[in-house]
Amino acid sequence: MAIGVFDSGVGGLTVHRELTTRFPTRDFIYLGDQAHAPYGGRGGEDIVALTRAGCERLFEAGASVVILACNTASAIALRRLQQTWIPGVREKLGRPVNILGIIVPTIEAATGLPWSFEAERESRLEGEKKEAIDITGVFCTAATAMSRVYEIEIDKRRDDLAVFTEACPGLAGLIELGAPAEELKVVVDDHVDALRRRIGRHPDKAILGCTHYEIVADLFAQALPPGVQVISQPTAVADSLERYFDRHPEYDLGASARRDFLTTGTPGPQSDLVAQFWGAPLTFDQA
């Protein structure tokens, strides 16, 4: 048994690395759907089908809990799979299994409030809103931006926070292909500046709402002025998962520190960019 980590490609390795640090003795299986990456420009039904297929492969490999280390899959597919698919999987396998996403922990970190909290609403005239104290900028894929999940869920909990989303089409694909840092820096700088122009100033906080972007978090930090807090999705996910496993001891997560890396794409060594981020060459097997 193991913890499964799923992403459209290599971006989820940022979450995976933090989880293995937090749970060093647990067994992990990572699956990157590189044959179909990136997900950000795909339609909703396609994203749901691909996410379901990836989770199914991880459950077959022995995963008890699968972490969707992909904002697009978490925004588009998670709730539907939890509600309509997972009950049948549990019955078929005869053991506890579940799928968890990364957006809920990120919103908890951004608002400082638990997911269960929804700010009480006072009666107010249409269009009237409390003046925002802080502005949060979200850099994400086109599909995540279209879902408006960050705007909707943060507003439910904190109406003193304004959220502006900047879709970055193509950036995840460039990172997946191992584009050089110089090329990636130009793209990141352009999107940070586009968000600044739209807001009228830089945000107070930034969410890298695609785990691929965590690989180039240093480029976002360079493009943003000092003092802008960049919320770490991997840390938020690890914190949340630690609490979840404390509440749910029924899941068998293994205890041999096994590490398997699978891809639906071409197996073998990953890109130099991944090796630099990971700190060592990383080899994937065929899923």
C-alpha atoms as a PDB file:
ATOM      1  CA  MET A   1       0.000   0.000   0.000  1.00  0.00           C
ATOM      2  CA  ALA A   2       1.174   3.533  -0.661  1.00  0.00           C
ATOM      3  CA  ILE A   3       0.378   7.220  -1.132  1.00  0.00           C
ATOM      4  CA  GLY A   4      -0.198   8.000  -4.801  1.00  0.00           C
ATOM      5  CA  VAL A   5       0.717  11.369  -6.307  1.00  0.00           C
ATOM      6  CA  PHE A   6      -0.753  12.242  -9.711  1.00  0.00           C
ATOM      7  CA  ASP A   7      -0.013  15.108 -12.086  1.00  0.00           C
ATOM      8  CA  SER A   8      -0.280  15.795 -15.775  1.00  0.00           C
ATOM      9  CA  GLY A   9       3.517  15.796 -15.881  1.00  0.00           C
ATOM     10  CA  VAL A  10       6.502  16.657 -13.719  1.00  0.00           C
ATOM     11  CA  GLY A  11       5.071  19.638 -11.821  1.00  0.00           C
ATOM     12  CA  GLY A  12       3.618  17.406  -9.122  1.00  0.00           C
ATOM     13  CA  LEU A  13       7.145  16.411  -8.148  1.00  0.00           C
ATOM     14  CA  THR A  14       7.243  19.654  -6.156  1.00  0.00           C
ATOM     15  CA  VAL A  15       4.426  18.324  -3.963  1.00  0.00           C
ATOM     16  CA  HIS A  16       5.824  14.803  -3.984  1.00  0.00           C
ATOM     17  CA  ARG A  17       9.200  15.943  -2.646  1.00  0.00           C
ATOM     18  CA  GLU A  18       7.613  17.828   0.247  1.00  0.00           C
ATOM     19  CA  LEU A  19       5.381  14.860   1.097  1.00  0.00           C
ATOM     20  CA  THR A  20       8.279  12.399   1.157  1.00  0.00           C
ATOM     21  CA  THR A  21      10.140  14.770   3.469  1.00  0.00           C
ATOM     22  CA  ARG A  22       7.120  14.994   5.760  1.00  0.00           C
ATOM     23  CA  PHE A  23       6.378  11.226   5.637  1.00  0.00           C
ATOM     24  CA  PRO A  24       9.834   9.672   5.094  1.00  0.00           C
ATOM     25  CA  THR A  25       8.903   6.078   5.982  1.00  0.00           C
ATOM     26  CA  ARG A  26       5.716   5.928   3.887  1.00  0.00           C
ATOM     27  CA  ASP A  27       5.599   4.316   0.453  1.00  0.00           C
ATOM     28  CA  PHE A  28       4.961   6.571  -2.557  1.00  0.00           C
ATOM     29  CA  ILE A  29       3.975   6.019  -6.179  1.00  0.00           C
ATOM     30  CA  TYR A  30       4.214   8.998  -8.522  1.00  0.00           C
ATOM     31  CA  LEU A  31       2.445   9.039 -11.891  1.00  0.00           C
ATOM     32  CA  GLY A  32       2.949  11.766 -14.485  1.00  0.00           C
ATOM     33  CA  ASP A  33       0.541  11.682 -17.430  1.00  0.00           C
ATOM     34  CA  GLN A  34       3.178  13.087 -19.774  1.00  0.00           C
ATOM     35  CA  ALA A  35       1.542  11.519 -22.822  1.00  0.00           C
ATOM     36  CA  HIS A  36      -1.298  14.031 -22.426  1.00  0.00           C
ATOM     37  CA  ALA A  37       0.438  16.975 -20.696  1.00  0.00           C
ATOM     38  CA  PRO A  38      -0.327  19.753 -20.149  1.00  0.00           C
ATOM     39  CA  TYR A  39      -3.973  19.695 -19.037  1.00  0.00           C
ATOM     40  CA  GLY A  40      -4.505  23.465 -18.878  1.00  0.00           C
ATOM     41  CA  GLY A  41      -5.788  23.863 -22.430  1.00  0.00           C
ATOM     42  CA  ARG A  42      -8.005  20.759 -22.479  1.00  0.00           C
ATOM     43  CA  GLY A  43     -11.797  20.575 -22.154  1.00  0.00           C
ATOM     44  CA  GLY A  44     -13.500  19.609 -18.917  1.00  0.00           C
ATOM     45  CA  GLU A  45     -14.639  16.115 -19.914  1.00  0.00           C
ATOM     46  CA  ASP A  46     -11.170  15.308 -21.226  1.00  0.00           C
ATOM     47  CA  ILE A  47      -9.589  16.419 -17.947  1.00  0.00           C
ATOM     48  CA  VAL A  48     -12.040  14.305 -15.924  1.00  0.00           C
ATOM     49  CA  ALA A  49     -11.409  11.206 -18.054  1.00  0.00           C
ATOM     50  CA  LEU A  50      -7.621  11.540 -17.928  1.00  0.00           C
ATOM     51  CA  THR A  51      -7.618  12.186 -14.181  1.00  0.00           C
ATOM     52  CA  ARG A  52      -9.849   9.163 -13.569  1.00  0.00           C
ATOM     53  CA  ALA A  53      -7.559   6.947 -15.671  1.00  0.00           C
ATOM     54  CA  GLY A  54      -4.495   8.134 -13.757  1.00  0.00           C
ATOM     55  CA  CYS A  55      -6.102   7.535 -10.361  1.00  0.00           C
ATOM     56  CA  GLU A  56      -7.288   4.101 -11.483  1.00  0.00           C
ATOM     57  CA  ARG A  57      -3.728   3.173 -12.445  1.00  0.00           C
ATOM     58  CA  LEU A  58      -2.444   4.297  -9.031  1.00  0.00           C
ATOM     59  CA  PHE A  59      -5.129   2.370  -7.136  1.00  0.00           C
ATOM     60  CA  GLU A  60      -4.264  -0.734  -9.173  1.00  0.00           C
ATOM     61  CA  ALA A  61      -0.619  -0.223  -8.143  1.00  0.00           C
ATOM     62  CA  GLY A  62      -1.653  -0.239  -4.469  1.00  0.00           C
ATOM     63  CA  ALA A  63      -2.271   3.401  -3.599  1.00  0.00           C
ATOM     64  CA  SER A  64      -4.750   3.978  -0.782  1.00  0.00           C
ATOM     65  CA  VAL A  65      -4.930   7.767  -1.128  1.00  0.00           C
ATOM     66  CA  VAL A  66      -4.165   9.664  -4.344  1.00  0.00           C
ATOM     67  CA  ILE A  67      -3.115  13.306  -4.164  1.00  0.00           C
ATOM     68  CA  LEU A  68      -4.020  15.268  -7.290  1.00  0.00           C
ATOM     69  CA  ALA A  69      -0.854  17.367  -7.421  1.00  0.00           C
ATOM     70  CA  CYS A  70      -2.377  19.309 -10.297  1.00  0.00           C
ATOM     71  CA  ASN A  71      -4.473  22.450  -9.868  1.00  0.00           C
ATOM     72  CA  THR A  72      -6.314  21.876 -13.158  1.00  0.00           C
ATOM     73  CA  ALA A  73      -7.341  18.329 -12.212  1.00  0.00           C
ATOM     74  CA  SER A  74      -8.243  19.465  -8.680  1.00  0.00           C
ATOM     75  CA  ALA A  75     -10.384  22.337  -9.994  1.00  0.00           C
ATOM     76  CA  ILE A  76     -12.154  20.441 -12.773  1.00  0.00           C
ATOM     77  CA  ALA A  77     -12.257  16.735 -11.850  1.00  0.00           C
ATOM     78  CA  LEU A  78     -11.856  16.225  -8.096  1.00  0.00           C
ATOM     79  CA  ARG A  79     -15.368  16.843  -6.783  1.00  0.00           C
ATOM     80  CA  ARG A  80     -17.008  14.836  -9.552  1.00  0.00           C
ATOM     81  CA  LEU A  81     -14.718  11.851  -9.058  1.00  0.00           C
ATOM     82  CA  GLN A  82     -15.162  11.950  -5.287  1.00  0.00           C
ATOM     83  CA  GLN A  83     -18.943  12.011  -5.579  1.00  0.00           C
ATOM     84  CA  THR A  84     -19.630   9.697  -8.516  1.00  0.00           C
ATOM     85  CA  TRP A  85     -16.636   7.390  -8.970  1.00  0.00           C
ATOM     86  CA  ILE A  86     -14.806   6.745  -5.686  1.00  0.00           C
ATOM     87  CA  PRO A  87     -17.753   4.943  -3.968  1.00  0.00           C
ATOM     88  CA  GLY A  88     -17.683   2.295  -6.707  1.00  0.00           C
ATOM     89  CA  VAL A  89     -13.899   1.975  -6.495  1.00  0.00           C
ATOM     90  CA  ARG A  90     -14.091   1.341  -2.755  1.00  0.00           C
ATOM     91  CA  GLU A  91     -16.687  -1.370  -3.311  1.00  0.00           C
ATOM     92  CA  LYS A  92     -14.683  -2.966  -6.121  1.00  0.00           C
ATOM     93  CA  LEU A  93     -11.363  -2.992  -4.240  1.00  0.00           C
ATOM     94  CA  GLY A  94     -12.874  -3.794  -0.839  1.00  0.00           C
ATOM     95  CA  ARG A  95     -10.629  -1.330   0.985  1.00  0.00           C
ATOM     96  CA  PRO A  96     -10.595   2.356   1.946  1.00  0.00           C
ATOM     97  CA  VAL A  97      -9.421   4.632  -0.890  1.00  0.00           C
ATOM     98  CA  ASN A  98      -9.799   8.324  -1.588  1.00  0.00           C
ATOM     99  CA  ILE A  99      -8.695  11.189  -3.847  1.00  0.00           C
ATOM    100  CA  LEU A 100      -7.589  14.515  -2.389  1.00  0.00           C
ATOM    101  CA  GLY A 101      -6.718  17.772  -4.145  1.00  0.00           C
ATOM    102  CA  ILE A 102      -4.342  20.659  -3.566  1.00  0.00           C
ATOM    103  CA  ILE A 103      -6.641  23.656  -3.940  1.00  0.00           C
ATOM    104  CA  VAL A 104      -8.350  23.288  -0.551  1.00  0.00           C
ATOM    105  CA  PRO A 105      -5.039  23.382   1.404  1.00  0.00           C
ATOM    106  CA  THR A 106      -3.872  26.330  -0.702  1.00  0.00           C
ATOM    107  CA  ILE A 107      -7.018  28.347   0.033  1.00  0.00           C
ATOM    108  CA  GLU A 108      -6.704  27.535   3.735  1.00  0.00           C
ATOM    109  CA  ALA A 109      -3.131  28.871   3.640  1.00  0.00           C
ATOM    110  CA  ALA A 110      -4.163  31.968   1.680  1.00  0.00           C
ATOM    111  CA  THR A 111      -7.065  32.876   3.985  1.00  0.00           C
ATOM    112  CA  GLY A 112      -5.728  31.602   7.295  1.00  0.00           C
ATOM    113  CA  LEU A 113      -9.078  29.852   7.790  1.00  0.00           C
ATOM    114  CA  PRO A 114     -10.192  26.208   7.699  1.00  0.00           C
ATOM    115  CA  TRP A 115     -12.134  25.003   4.658  1.00  0.00           C
ATOM    116  CA  SER A 116     -15.227  24.511   6.810  1.00  0.00           C
ATOM    117  CA  PHE A 117     -15.415  28.233   7.523  1.00  0.00           C
ATOM    118  CA  GLU A 118     -17.569  30.490   5.384  1.00  0.00           C
ATOM    119  CA  ALA A 119     -17.753  34.126   6.311  1.00  0.00           C
ATOM    120  CA  GLU A 120     -21.168  35.261   7.468  1.00  0.00           C
ATOM    121  CA  ARG A 121     -22.753  37.586   4.970  1.00  0.00           C
ATOM    122  CA  GLU A 122     -24.402  40.795   6.015  1.00  0.00           C
ATOM    123  CA  SER A 123     -27.232  42.197   3.932  1.00  0.00           C
ATOM    124  CA  ARG A 124     -25.780  44.735   1.570  1.00  0.00           C
ATOM    125  CA  LEU A 125     -26.727  46.521  -1.593  1.00  0.00           C
ATOM    126  CA  GLU A 126     -25.880  44.803  -4.851  1.00  0.00           C
ATOM    127  CA  GLY A 127     -22.321  45.624  -5.838  1.00  0.00           C
ATOM    128  CA  GLU A 128     -21.367  46.801  -2.353  1.00  0.00           C
ATOM    129  CA  LYS A 129     -18.332  45.072  -0.867  1.00  0.00           C
ATOM    130  CA  LYS A 130     -15.998  45.621   2.044  1.00  0.00           C
ATOM    131  CA  GLU A 131     -12.877  47.447   0.947  1.00  0.00           C
ATOM    132  CA  ALA A 132     -10.140  44.914   0.300  1.00  0.00           C
ATOM    133  CA  ILE A 133      -7.159  45.103   2.611  1.00  0.00           C
ATOM    134  CA  ASP A 134      -4.973  42.665   0.685  1.00  0.00           C
ATOM    135  CA  ILE A 135      -4.794  41.588  -2.922  1.00  0.00           C
ATOM    136  CA  THR A 136      -3.911  38.016  -3.860  1.00  0.00           C
ATOM    137  CA  GLY A 137      -2.657  37.235  -7.351  1.00  0.00           C
ATOM    138  CA  VAL A 138      -3.107  33.731  -8.738  1.00  0.00           C
ATOM    139  CA  PHE A 139      -0.915  32.518 -11.603  1.00  0.00           C
ATOM    140  CA  CYS A 140      -2.456  29.413 -13.155  1.00  0.00           C
ATOM    141  CA  THR A 141      -3.467  27.519 -16.293  1.00  0.00           C
ATOM    142  CA  ALA A 142      -6.315  28.642 -18.536  1.00  0.00           C
ATOM    143  CA  ALA A 143      -8.604  25.839 -17.280  1.00  0.00           C
ATOM    144  CA  THR A 144      -8.054  26.738 -13.625  1.00  0.00           C
ATOM    145  CA  ALA A 145      -8.625  30.424 -14.392  1.00  0.00           C
ATOM    146  CA  MET A 146     -11.894  29.634 -16.202  1.00  0.00           C
ATOM    147  CA  SER A 147     -13.133  27.619 -13.204  1.00  0.00           C
ATOM    148  CA  ARG A 148     -12.750  30.746 -11.001  1.00  0.00           C
ATOM    149  CA  VAL A 149     -12.263  28.373  -8.069  1.00  0.00           C
ATOM    150  CA  TYR A 150      -9.814  30.647  -6.255  1.00  0.00           C
ATOM    151  CA  GLU A 151     -11.981  33.761  -6.570  1.00  0.00           C
ATOM    152  CA  ILE A 152     -15.145  31.933  -5.492  1.00  0.00           C
ATOM    153  CA  GLU A 153     -13.742  29.974  -2.557  1.00  0.00           C
ATOM    154  CA  ILE A 154     -11.584  32.746  -1.111  1.00  0.00           C
ATOM    155  CA  ASP A 155     -14.496  35.209  -1.300  1.00  0.00           C
ATOM    156  CA  LYS A 156     -16.679  32.749   0.659  1.00  0.00           C
ATOM    157  CA  ARG A 157     -14.248  32.981   3.545  1.00  0.00           C
ATOM    158  CA  ARG A 158     -12.647  36.440   3.359  1.00  0.00           C
ATOM    159  CA  ASP A 159     -14.500  39.313   1.721  1.00  0.00           C
ATOM    160  CA  ASP A 160     -11.651  41.640   2.674  1.00  0.00           C
ATOM    161  CA  LEU A 161      -9.348  39.870   0.208  1.00  0.00           C
ATOM    162  CA  ALA A 162      -9.452  40.672  -3.499  1.00  0.00           C
ATOM    163  CA  VAL A 163      -8.334  37.942  -5.894  1.00  0.00           C
ATOM    164  CA  PHE A 164      -6.995  38.510  -9.401  1.00  0.00           C
ATOM    165  CA  THR A 165      -6.169  35.536 -11.624  1.00  0.00           C
ATOM    166  CA  GLU A 166      -3.572  35.610 -14.379  1.00  0.00           C
ATOM    167  CA  ALA A 167      -3.816  32.704 -16.810  1.00  0.00           C
ATOM    168  CA  CYS A 168      -0.402  31.690 -18.160  1.00  0.00           C
ATOM    169  CA  PRO A 169      -1.155  29.544 -21.243  1.00  0.00           C
ATOM    170  CA  GLY A 170       1.850  27.641 -22.500  1.00  0.00           C
ATOM    171  CA  LEU A 171       4.031  28.102 -19.422  1.00  0.00           C
ATOM    172  CA  ALA A 172       3.423  24.614 -18.001  1.00  0.00           C
ATOM    173  CA  GLY A 173       4.181  23.108 -21.401  1.00  0.00           C
ATOM    174  CA  LEU A 174       7.489  24.969 -21.625  1.00  0.00           C
ATOM    175  CA  ILE A 175       8.477  23.772 -18.159  1.00  0.00           C
ATOM    176  CA  GLU A 176       7.444  20.208 -19.034  1.00  0.00           C
ATOM    177  CA  LEU A 177       9.682  20.341 -22.121  1.00  0.00           C
ATOM    178  CA  GLY A 178      12.635  21.569 -20.076  1.00  0.00           C
ATOM    179  CA  ALA A 179      12.862  25.022 -21.655  1.00  0.00           C
ATOM    180  CA  PRO A 180      15.957  27.058 -20.640  1.00  0.00           C
ATOM    181  CA  ALA A 181      15.659  29.440 -17.705  1.00  0.00           C
ATOM    182  CA  GLU A 182      16.249  32.461 -19.940  1.00  0.00           C
ATOM    183  CA  GLU A 183      13.180  31.628 -22.043  1.00  0.00           C
ATOM    184  CA  LEU A 184      11.047  30.893 -18.992  1.00  0.00           C
ATOM    185  CA  LYS A 185      12.102  34.152 -17.316  1.00  0.00           C
ATOM    186  CA  VAL A 186      10.734  36.211 -20.208  1.00  0.00           C
ATOM    187  CA  VAL A 187       7.349  34.465 -19.984  1.00  0.00           C
ATOM    188  CA  VAL A 188       7.155  34.758 -16.183  1.00  0.00           C
ATOM    189  CA  ASP A 189       8.147  38.438 -16.260  1.00  0.00           C
ATOM    190  CA  ASP A 190       5.473  39.156 -18.881  1.00  0.00           C
ATOM    191  CA  HIS A 191       2.714  37.547 -16.820  1.00  0.00           C
ATOM    192  CA  VAL A 192       3.755  39.216 -13.572  1.00  0.00           C
ATOM    193  CA  ASP A 193       3.772  42.580 -15.355  1.00  0.00           C
ATOM    194  CA  ALA A 194       0.403  41.871 -17.011  1.00  0.00           C
ATOM    195  CA  LEU A 195      -1.142  41.207 -13.600  1.00  0.00           C
ATOM    196  CA  ARG A 196       0.445  44.369 -12.184  1.00  0.00           C
ATOM    197  CA  ARG A 197      -1.028  46.472 -14.979  1.00  0.00           C
ATOM    198  CA  ARG A 198      -4.478  44.946 -14.506  1.00  0.00           C
ATOM    199  CA  ILE A 199      -4.500  45.488 -10.730  1.00  0.00           C
ATOM    200  CA  GLY A 200      -2.711  48.827 -10.803  1.00  0.00           C
ATOM    201  CA  ARG A 201      -0.014  47.545  -8.458  1.00  0.00           C
ATOM    202  CA  HIS A 202       1.662  44.298  -7.452  1.00  0.00           C
ATOM    203  CA  PRO A 203      -0.347  41.874  -5.273  1.00  0.00           C
ATOM    204  CA  ASP A 204       0.359  41.457  -1.562  1.00  0.00           C
ATOM    205  CA  LYS A 205       0.336  37.666  -1.899  1.00  0.00           C
ATOM    206  CA  ALA A 206       0.857  35.346  -4.835  1.00  0.00           C
ATOM    207  CA  ILE A 207      -0.355  31.805  -5.400  1.00  0.00           C
ATOM    208  CA  LEU A 208       1.472  29.692  -7.956  1.00  0.00           C
ATOM    209  CA  GLY A 209      -1.692  27.853  -8.960  1.00  0.00           C
ATOM    210  CA  CYS A 210       0.030  25.233 -11.097  1.00  0.00           C
ATOM    211  CA  THR A 211       2.554  22.847  -9.578  1.00  0.00           C
ATOM    212  CA  HIS A 212       4.739  23.188 -12.678  1.00  0.00           C
ATOM    213  CA  TYR A 213       5.267  26.820 -11.666  1.00  0.00           C
ATOM    214  CA  GLU A 214       6.779  25.709  -8.355  1.00  0.00           C
ATOM    215  CA  ILE A 215       9.731  24.350 -10.346  1.00  0.00           C
ATOM    216  CA  VAL A 216      10.475  27.942 -11.437  1.00  0.00           C
ATOM    217  CA  ALA A 217       9.344  29.606  -8.190  1.00  0.00           C
ATOM    218  CA  ASP A 218      12.663  31.455  -8.102  1.00  0.00           C
ATOM    219  CA  LEU A 219      11.745  33.217 -11.374  1.00  0.00           C
ATOM    220  CA  PHE A 220       8.414  34.358  -9.911  1.00  0.00           C
ATOM    221  CA  ALA A 221      10.202  35.549  -6.767  1.00  0.00           C
ATOM    222  CA  GLN A 222      12.623  37.576  -8.911  1.00  0.00           C
ATOM    223  CA  ALA A 223       9.780  39.106 -10.964  1.00  0.00           C
ATOM    224  CA  LEU A 224       7.728  40.081  -7.910  1.00  0.00           C
ATOM    225  CA  PRO A 225       8.949  42.878  -5.612  1.00  0.00           C
ATOM    226  CA  PRO A 226      10.407  42.064  -2.189  1.00  0.00           C
ATOM    227  CA  GLY A 227       7.726  41.644   0.440  1.00  0.00           C
ATOM    228  CA  VAL A 228       5.211  39.790  -1.743  1.00  0.00           C
ATOM    229  CA  GLN A 229       4.397  36.541   0.039  1.00  0.00           C
ATOM    230  CA  VAL A 230       4.442  33.556  -2.314  1.00  0.00           C
ATOM    231  CA  ILE A 231       2.254  30.834  -0.818  1.00  0.00           C
ATOM    232  CA  SER A 232       3.905  27.415  -1.031  1.00  0.00           C
ATOM    233  CA  GLN A 233       1.440  24.806  -2.268  1.00  0.00           C
ATOM    234  CA  PRO A 234       3.701  21.845  -1.377  1.00  0.00           C
ATOM    235  CA  THR A 235       3.975  23.004   2.246  1.00  0.00           C
ATOM    236  CA  ALA A 236       0.233  23.705   2.485  1.00  0.00           C
ATOM    237  CA  VAL A 237      -0.583  20.260   1.068  1.00  0.00           C
ATOM    238  CA  ALA A 238       1.805  18.474   3.418  1.00  0.00           C
ATOM    239  CA  ASP A 239       0.370  20.319   6.441  1.00  0.00           C
ATOM    240  CA  SER A 240      -3.180  19.438   5.391  1.00  0.00           C
ATOM    241  CA  LEU A 241      -2.361  15.804   4.655  1.00  0.00           C
ATOM    242  CA  GLU A 242      -0.696  15.387   8.039  1.00  0.00           C
ATOM    243  CA  ARG A 243      -3.940  16.496   9.703  1.00  0.00           C
ATOM    244  CA  TYR A 244      -6.002  14.282   7.384  1.00  0.00           C
ATOM    245  CA  PHE A 245      -4.042  11.119   8.189  1.00  0.00           C
ATOM    246  CA  ASP A 246      -4.328  11.860  11.915  1.00  0.00           C
ATOM    247  CA  ARG A 247      -8.121  11.876  11.459  1.00  0.00           C
ATOM    248  CA  HIS A 248      -8.184   8.823   9.164  1.00  0.00           C
ATOM    249  CA  PRO A 249      -5.986   6.004  10.486  1.00  0.00           C
ATOM    250  CA  GLU A 250      -7.899   3.481   8.348  1.00  0.00           C
ATOM    251  CA  TYR A 251      -5.656   4.036   5.316  1.00  0.00           C
ATOM    252  CA  ASP A 252      -2.739   1.640   4.819  1.00  0.00           C
ATOM    253  CA  LEU A 253       0.132   3.806   3.542  1.00  0.00           C
ATOM    254  CA  GLY A 254       3.015   1.334   3.640  1.00  0.00           C
ATOM    255  CA  ALA A 255       6.138   1.733   5.764  1.00  0.00           C
ATOM    256  CA  SER A 256       9.137   0.665   3.665  1.00  0.00           C
ATOM    257  CA  ALA A 257      10.005   4.098   2.174  1.00  0.00           C
ATOM    258  CA  ARG A 258       9.435   2.782  -1.357  1.00  0.00           C
ATOM    259  CA  ARG A 259       9.643   5.384  -4.164  1.00  0.00           C
ATOM    260  CA  ASP A 260       8.224   4.515  -7.607  1.00  0.00           C
ATOM    261  CA  PHE A 261       8.062   6.984 -10.501  1.00  0.00           C
ATOM    262  CA  LEU A 262       5.812   6.210 -13.473  1.00  0.00           C
ATOM    263  CA  THR A 263       4.981   8.045 -16.685  1.00  0.00           C
ATOM    264  CA  THR A 264       2.483   7.512 -19.486  1.00  0.00           C
ATOM    265  CA  GLY A 265       5.013   9.172 -21.777  1.00  0.00           C
ATOM    266  CA  THR A 266       8.521   8.095 -22.713  1.00  0.00           C
ATOM    267  CA  PRO A 267      10.225   6.393 -19.759  1.00  0.00           C
ATOM    268  CA  GLY A 268      13.793   7.156 -18.770  1.00  0.00           C
ATOM    269  CA  PRO A 269      15.678  10.169 -17.425  1.00  0.00           C
ATOM    270  CA  GLN A 270      13.682  13.363 -17.169  1.00  0.00           C
ATOM    271  CA  SER A 271      14.788  16.815 -18.329  1.00  0.00           C
ATOM    272  CA  ASP A 272      17.801  18.733 -17.060  1.00  0.00           C
ATOM    273  CA  LEU A 273      15.363  21.246 -15.540  1.00  0.00           C
ATOM    274  CA  VAL A 274      13.798  18.506 -13.399  1.00  0.00           C
ATOM    275  CA  ALA A 275      17.241  17.209 -12.422  1.00  0.00           C
ATOM    276  CA  GLN A 276      18.249  20.698 -11.296  1.00  0.00           C
ATOM    277  CA  PHE A 277      15.045  21.146  -9.315  1.00  0.00           C
ATOM    278  CA  TRP A 278      15.183  17.650  -7.818  1.00  0.00           C
ATOM    279  CA  GLY A 279      18.872  17.891  -7.013  1.00  0.00           C
ATOM    280  CA  ALA A 280      19.766  14.696  -8.888  1.00  0.00           C
ATOM    281  CA  PRO A 281      18.824  12.858 -12.091  1.00  0.00           C
ATOM    282  CA  LEU A 282      15.413  11.204 -11.872  1.00  0.00           C
ATOM    283  CA  THR A 283      14.352   8.189 -13.927  1.00  0.00           C
ATOM    284  CA  PHE A 284      10.747   7.202 -14.661  1.00  0.00           C
ATOM    285  CA  ASP A 285       9.377   3.755 -15.584  1.00  0.00           C
ATOM    286  CA  GLN A 286       6.543   3.086 -18.035  1.00  0.00           C
ATOM    287  CA  ALA A 287       3.115   3.250 -16.410  1.00  0.00           C
END
